[in-house]
């Protein structure tokens, strides 16, 4: 991503985060619905039989607006979250990548990316908790009337601990997933540009960002399933936290349940993260060319 200050990463990451939510939230809603639907009793069909079935039922019962339930929390929080993520990667590069070379090793990129996951977990956890609780609400009487109502009721139920439920699961997801996320983007970019210090094309950025998103979720999906179940469970259901969620899931549904919702995730991952890195690169271009007359050409 070139030589940039952590502040530059912060600003450009904000551009990327907003782009990601606008493109990817509908499929994220489907993912959470699939991850958290009740286990069917013997002889019963699951509430959603497939990604397409989930899509059709949301359209039929809730209309298009159903796909955007819970988007307020990530949209309000996503700019600082992605900004912090990219800034964390920038800080990680200063810690793990030598300054005397423009080309770094894959391990160095991974370590810098993993550091960004630590950077964002404290902000990410409550936003994910709010988002998931709103996303699993279907028609009829609603437990929550919006993000602020979720925060008020969670605090009343269990204080700040309840709002931050799933912190460990989020950390378990984001540290390795962020490592491979930034590693993949940099590796694909280097391959496309033949390791030369030049800017990639817009198609190169789309391909690199989309591929990074897919790899990120292949690594992060199992802890994300556990996180979603823990964060949407009633108070007291899992007294030992993530360990209880894992044991119950493996016992009742088997290891493949760790990849429930993978179809909408992968369908979302490529376009959403392509949009993220396009937003990032556009932000970088605007910073570089601030004050210039021509900001319309998009030749990264």
Protein backbone atom coordinates (compact mmCIF):
# COMPACT_ATOMS: atom_id res chain seq x y z
CA UNK A 1 0.00 0.00 0.00
CA UNK A 2 2.99 2.25 -0.25
CA UNK A 3 4.58 4.49 2.36
CA UNK A 4 1.80 6.13 4.38
CA UNK A 5 1.54 7.44 7.91
CA UNK A 6 -0.79 5.74 10.42
CA UNK A 7 -3.02 8.82 10.18
CA UNK A 8 -3.27 8.41 6.39
CA UNK A 9 -4.27 4.78 6.94
CA UNK A 10 -6.89 5.95 9.43
CA UNK A 11 -8.52 8.41 7.04
CA UNK A 12 -8.44 6.10 4.02
CA UNK A 13 -9.69 3.16 6.06
CA UNK A 14 -12.77 5.22 6.94
CA UNK A 15 -13.55 5.62 3.23
CA UNK A 16 -13.17 1.89 2.79
CA UNK A 17 -15.35 0.98 5.75
CA UNK A 18 -18.36 2.98 4.61
CA UNK A 19 -18.08 1.42 1.15
CA UNK A 20 -18.01 -2.06 2.69
CA UNK A 21 -21.21 -1.70 4.72
CA UNK A 22 -23.25 -0.19 1.90
CA UNK A 23 -22.34 -3.08 -0.40
CA UNK A 24 -22.24 -5.99 2.02
CA UNK A 25 -24.85 -5.56 4.77
CA UNK A 26 -27.75 -7.43 3.08
CA UNK A 27 -25.73 -10.63 2.79
CA UNK A 28 -24.41 -10.14 6.31
CA UNK A 29 -28.01 -10.19 7.54
CA UNK A 30 -28.62 -13.49 5.75
CA UNK A 31 -25.41 -14.88 7.28
CA UNK A 32 -26.48 -14.02 10.83
CA UNK A 33 -29.99 -15.43 10.29
CA UNK A 34 -28.50 -18.74 9.10
CA UNK A 35 -25.97 -18.85 11.94
CA UNK A 36 -28.48 -18.25 14.72
CA UNK A 37 -31.65 -20.05 13.58
CA UNK A 38 -32.95 -22.68 16.03
CA UNK A 39 -31.84 -26.29 15.57
CA UNK A 40 -34.84 -28.13 14.04
CA UNK A 41 -36.47 -30.92 15.99
CA UNK A 42 -36.41 -34.47 14.64
CA UNK A 43 -38.50 -34.64 11.49
CA UNK A 44 -38.80 -30.86 11.12
CA UNK A 45 -37.30 -28.73 8.38
CA UNK A 46 -34.91 -25.96 9.44
CA UNK A 47 -36.34 -22.46 9.52
CA UNK A 48 -34.19 -21.61 6.50
CA UNK A 49 -33.25 -24.47 4.18
CA UNK A 50 -30.65 -22.49 2.20
CA UNK A 51 -29.26 -19.04 1.49
CA UNK A 52 -31.82 -18.58 -1.28
CA UNK A 53 -34.65 -19.67 1.03
CA UNK A 54 -33.53 -17.15 3.63
CA UNK A 55 -33.40 -14.45 0.97
CA UNK A 56 -36.91 -15.29 -0.28
CA UNK A 57 -38.43 -15.35 3.22
CA UNK A 58 -36.94 -11.98 4.14
CA UNK A 59 -38.29 -10.47 0.92
CA UNK A 60 -41.73 -12.04 1.45
CA UNK A 61 -42.13 -11.31 5.16
CA UNK A 62 -40.17 -8.10 5.67
CA UNK A 63 -39.52 -6.58 2.28
CA UNK A 64 -36.17 -5.21 1.06
CA UNK A 65 -35.78 -3.15 4.24
CA UNK A 66 -35.37 -6.43 6.13
CA UNK A 67 -31.91 -6.86 4.64
CA UNK A 68 -30.79 -3.61 6.21
CA UNK A 69 -31.88 -4.33 9.76
CA UNK A 70 -29.14 -3.45 12.20
CA UNK A 71 -27.21 -1.42 9.63
CA UNK A 72 -27.33 1.72 11.78
CA UNK A 73 -24.83 0.34 14.29
CA UNK A 74 -22.19 -0.80 11.78
CA UNK A 75 -22.69 2.24 9.55
CA UNK A 76 -22.16 4.63 12.45
CA UNK A 77 -19.30 2.58 13.81
CA UNK A 78 -17.76 1.20 10.65
CA UNK A 79 -15.86 4.29 9.65
CA UNK A 80 -13.87 4.44 12.89
CA UNK A 81 -13.62 0.63 13.05
CA UNK A 82 -12.15 0.29 9.57
CA UNK A 83 -10.15 3.44 10.14
CA UNK A 84 -8.68 1.86 13.28
CA UNK A 85 -8.12 -1.42 11.44
CA UNK A 86 -6.15 0.20 8.65
CA UNK A 87 -4.34 2.46 11.11
CA UNK A 88 -3.51 -0.63 13.17
CA UNK A 89 -2.04 -2.18 10.03
CA UNK A 90 -0.03 1.00 9.47
CA UNK A 91 1.25 0.92 13.05
CA UNK A 92 1.92 -2.80 12.70
CA UNK A 93 4.05 -2.14 9.63
CA UNK A 94 6.17 0.30 11.62
CA UNK A 95 6.62 -2.38 14.31
CA UNK A 96 7.19 -5.48 12.20
CA UNK A 97 8.37 -4.28 8.78
CA UNK A 98 11.86 -2.83 8.21
CA UNK A 99 11.91 0.74 6.94
CA UNK A 100 14.95 0.16 4.73
CA UNK A 101 13.08 -1.93 2.17
CA UNK A 102 9.95 -1.42 0.09
CA UNK A 103 9.26 -5.17 -0.10
CA UNK A 104 8.41 -7.04 3.08
CA UNK A 105 8.05 -10.74 3.80
CA UNK A 106 4.67 -12.45 3.99
CA UNK A 107 5.22 -13.10 7.70
CA UNK A 108 5.79 -9.38 8.30
CA UNK A 109 2.59 -8.49 6.46
CA UNK A 110 0.71 -11.13 8.48
CA UNK A 111 2.03 -9.83 11.80
CA UNK A 112 1.14 -6.25 10.90
CA UNK A 113 -2.36 -7.32 9.86
CA UNK A 114 -2.86 -9.45 12.99
CA UNK A 115 -1.89 -6.43 15.09
CA UNK A 116 -4.73 -4.50 13.47
CA UNK A 117 -7.17 -7.14 14.76
CA UNK A 118 -6.10 -6.42 18.34
CA UNK A 119 -6.49 -2.72 17.59
CA UNK A 120 -10.18 -2.97 16.69
CA UNK A 121 -11.64 -5.63 18.99
CA UNK A 122 -12.67 -3.28 21.80
CA UNK A 123 -14.67 -1.17 19.33
CA UNK A 124 -15.89 -4.08 17.24
CA UNK A 125 -17.40 -6.22 20.00
CA UNK A 126 -20.31 -4.02 21.17
CA UNK A 127 -21.13 -3.05 17.58
CA UNK A 128 -21.30 -6.71 16.58
CA UNK A 129 -23.45 -7.54 19.61
CA UNK A 130 -25.96 -4.80 18.74
CA UNK A 131 -25.97 -5.66 15.04
CA UNK A 132 -26.58 -9.38 15.58
CA UNK A 133 -29.41 -8.87 18.07
CA UNK A 134 -31.19 -6.58 15.63
CA UNK A 135 -30.54 -8.82 12.63
CA UNK A 136 -32.13 -11.91 14.19
CA UNK A 137 -35.39 -10.08 14.88
CA UNK A 138 -38.14 -11.16 12.53
CA UNK A 139 -41.78 -10.08 12.17
CA UNK A 140 -44.14 -9.63 15.10
CA UNK A 141 -43.26 -8.22 18.51
CA UNK A 142 -39.71 -6.92 18.61
CA UNK A 143 -37.46 -7.09 21.65
CA UNK A 144 -35.49 -4.03 20.52
CA UNK A 145 -36.50 -0.85 18.71
CA UNK A 146 -33.06 0.12 17.49
CA UNK A 147 -29.37 0.34 18.49
CA UNK A 148 -29.89 2.69 21.44
CA UNK A 149 -32.68 0.51 22.80
CA UNK A 150 -30.38 -2.52 22.58
CA UNK A 151 -27.67 -0.73 24.56
CA UNK A 152 -30.13 0.41 27.26
CA UNK A 153 -31.65 -3.05 27.71
CA UNK A 154 -28.32 -4.89 27.66
CA UNK A 155 -26.91 -2.53 30.27
CA UNK A 156 -29.99 -3.02 32.43
CA UNK A 157 -29.70 -6.81 32.13
CA UNK A 158 -25.99 -7.24 32.79
CA UNK A 159 -24.16 -3.95 32.80
CA UNK A 160 -21.18 -3.20 30.59
CA UNK A 161 -20.21 -6.89 30.62
CA UNK A 162 -23.38 -7.76 28.71
CA UNK A 163 -22.70 -5.11 26.07
CA UNK A 164 -19.19 -6.51 25.54
CA UNK A 165 -20.26 -10.17 25.49
CA UNK A 166 -18.24 -11.96 22.81
CA UNK A 167 -15.01 -9.98 23.27
CA UNK A 168 -12.86 -13.11 23.34
CA UNK A 169 -14.65 -14.62 20.34
CA UNK A 170 -14.21 -11.39 18.37
CA UNK A 171 -10.50 -11.35 19.22
CA UNK A 172 -10.18 -15.02 18.23
CA UNK A 173 -11.78 -14.19 14.89
CA UNK A 174 -10.15 -10.90 14.04
CA UNK A 175 -6.49 -11.45 14.90
CA UNK A 176 -5.75 -14.33 12.49
CA UNK A 177 -8.36 -13.20 9.95
CA UNK A 178 -6.94 -9.68 9.81
CA UNK A 179 -3.47 -11.13 9.41
CA UNK A 180 -4.38 -13.09 6.29
CA UNK A 181 -6.60 -10.22 5.07
CA UNK A 182 -3.83 -7.68 4.72
CA UNK A 183 -1.28 -10.34 3.76
CA UNK A 184 -3.46 -11.51 0.86
CA UNK A 185 -4.11 -7.98 -0.39
CA UNK A 186 -0.41 -7.10 -0.37
CA UNK A 187 0.62 -10.44 -1.89
CA UNK A 188 -1.89 -10.22 -4.76
CA UNK A 189 -0.96 -6.57 -5.37
CA UNK A 190 2.72 -7.50 -5.54
CA UNK A 191 1.96 -10.30 -7.96
CA UNK A 192 -0.14 -8.05 -10.21
CA UNK A 193 2.50 -5.32 -10.30
CA UNK A 194 5.34 -7.85 -10.52
CA UNK A 195 6.75 -6.57 -7.20
CA UNK A 196 7.40 -3.17 -8.74
CA UNK A 197 6.77 0.04 -6.83
CA UNK A 198 3.80 1.12 -8.91
CA UNK A 199 0.11 1.69 -8.41
CA UNK A 200 -2.27 -1.13 -9.46
CA UNK A 201 -5.12 -0.61 -11.88
CA UNK A 202 -8.70 -0.30 -10.69
CA UNK A 203 -9.33 -3.90 -11.77
CA UNK A 204 -6.22 -4.97 -9.89
CA UNK A 205 -7.51 -3.30 -6.75
CA UNK A 206 -10.94 -4.95 -7.16
CA UNK A 207 -9.37 -8.38 -7.57
CA UNK A 208 -6.87 -7.94 -4.73
CA UNK A 209 -9.46 -6.57 -2.30
CA UNK A 210 -12.09 -9.16 -3.20
CA UNK A 211 -9.62 -12.02 -2.85
CA UNK A 212 -8.45 -10.68 0.52
CA UNK A 213 -12.06 -10.64 1.71
CA UNK A 214 -12.68 -14.25 0.67
CA UNK A 215 -9.51 -15.52 2.39
CA UNK A 216 -10.31 -13.45 5.49
CA UNK A 217 -13.66 -15.20 5.92
CA UNK A 218 -12.38 -18.69 5.18
CA UNK A 219 -10.15 -18.23 8.23
CA UNK A 220 -12.55 -16.21 10.38
CA UNK A 221 -15.83 -18.07 9.79
CA UNK A 222 -15.68 -20.69 12.61
CA UNK A 223 -15.07 -18.18 15.42
CA UNK A 224 -17.64 -15.87 13.82
CA UNK A 225 -20.32 -18.58 14.09
CA UNK A 226 -19.44 -19.08 17.75
CA UNK A 227 -19.46 -15.32 18.33
CA UNK A 228 -22.88 -14.85 16.72
CA UNK A 229 -24.43 -17.60 18.85
CA UNK A 230 -22.87 -16.32 22.05
CA UNK A 231 -23.92 -12.73 21.37
CA UNK A 232 -27.55 -13.57 20.55
CA UNK A 233 -28.13 -16.15 23.29
CA UNK A 234 -30.34 -15.36 26.31
CA UNK A 235 -28.57 -14.31 29.50
CA UNK A 236 -27.16 -17.30 31.38
CA UNK A 237 -27.44 -19.85 28.60
CA UNK A 238 -23.67 -20.22 28.23
CA UNK A 239 -22.16 -19.69 31.71
CA UNK A 240 -18.68 -20.68 30.51
CA UNK A 241 -18.87 -18.53 27.42
CA UNK A 242 -17.27 -19.63 24.19
CA UNK A 243 -16.35 -23.09 25.48
CA UNK A 244 -20.01 -23.92 26.15
CA UNK A 245 -21.05 -22.62 22.72
CA UNK A 246 -18.40 -24.76 21.04
CA UNK A 247 -19.28 -27.91 22.98
CA UNK A 248 -23.00 -27.57 22.27
CA UNK A 249 -22.48 -26.87 18.58
CA UNK A 250 -20.14 -29.82 18.04
CA UNK A 251 -22.36 -32.18 20.05
CA UNK A 252 -25.67 -31.26 18.41
CA UNK A 253 -24.68 -30.25 14.87
CA UNK A 254 -21.15 -31.42 14.18
CA UNK A 255 -18.03 -29.57 12.92
CA UNK A 256 -19.64 -28.47 9.64
CA UNK A 257 -21.89 -26.14 11.64
CA UNK A 258 -18.81 -23.96 12.15
CA UNK A 259 -19.29 -22.91 8.53
CA UNK A 260 -23.02 -22.19 8.69
CA UNK A 261 -23.76 -19.12 6.66
CA UNK A 262 -20.60 -19.47 4.57
CA UNK A 263 -22.47 -19.08 1.26
CA UNK A 264 -23.77 -15.53 1.85
CA UNK A 265 -20.46 -14.66 3.50
CA UNK A 266 -18.45 -15.61 0.42
CA UNK A 267 -21.02 -14.01 -1.90
CA UNK A 268 -20.64 -10.83 0.15
CA UNK A 269 -16.90 -11.04 0.78
CA UNK A 270 -15.65 -10.35 -2.72
CA UNK A 271 -17.78 -7.29 -3.67
CA UNK A 272 -17.78 -5.80 -0.17
CA UNK A 273 -14.03 -5.97 0.26
CA UNK A 274 -13.38 -4.94 -3.32
CA UNK A 275 -15.46 -1.87 -2.45
CA UNK A 276 -13.49 -1.44 0.77
CA UNK A 277 -10.12 -1.30 -0.93
CA UNK A 278 -11.48 0.84 -3.75
CA UNK A 279 -12.65 3.27 -1.09
CA UNK A 280 -9.26 3.03 0.60
CA UNK A 281 -7.33 3.66 -2.60
CA UNK A 282 -9.64 6.54 -3.54
CA UNK A 283 -9.08 8.07 -0.12
CA UNK A 284 -5.35 7.70 -0.59
CA UNK A 285 -5.53 9.35 -3.97
CA UNK A 286 -7.54 12.25 -2.58
CA UNK A 287 -4.98 12.77 0.17
CA UNK A 288 -2.08 12.66 -2.29
CA UNK A 289 -3.76 14.97 -4.75
CA UNK A 290 -5.41 17.36 -2.32
CA UNK A 291 -5.38 20.79 -3.77
CA UNK A 292 -5.01 19.50 -7.33
CA UNK A 293 -7.50 20.56 -9.98
CA UNK A 294 -8.15 17.09 -11.37
CA UNK A 295 -9.59 14.55 -8.91
CA UNK A 296 -11.75 12.77 -11.46
CA UNK A 297 -9.28 10.41 -13.08
CA UNK A 298 -9.25 7.13 -11.21
CA UNK A 299 -5.92 5.72 -12.35
CA UNK A 300 -4.55 4.35 -9.10
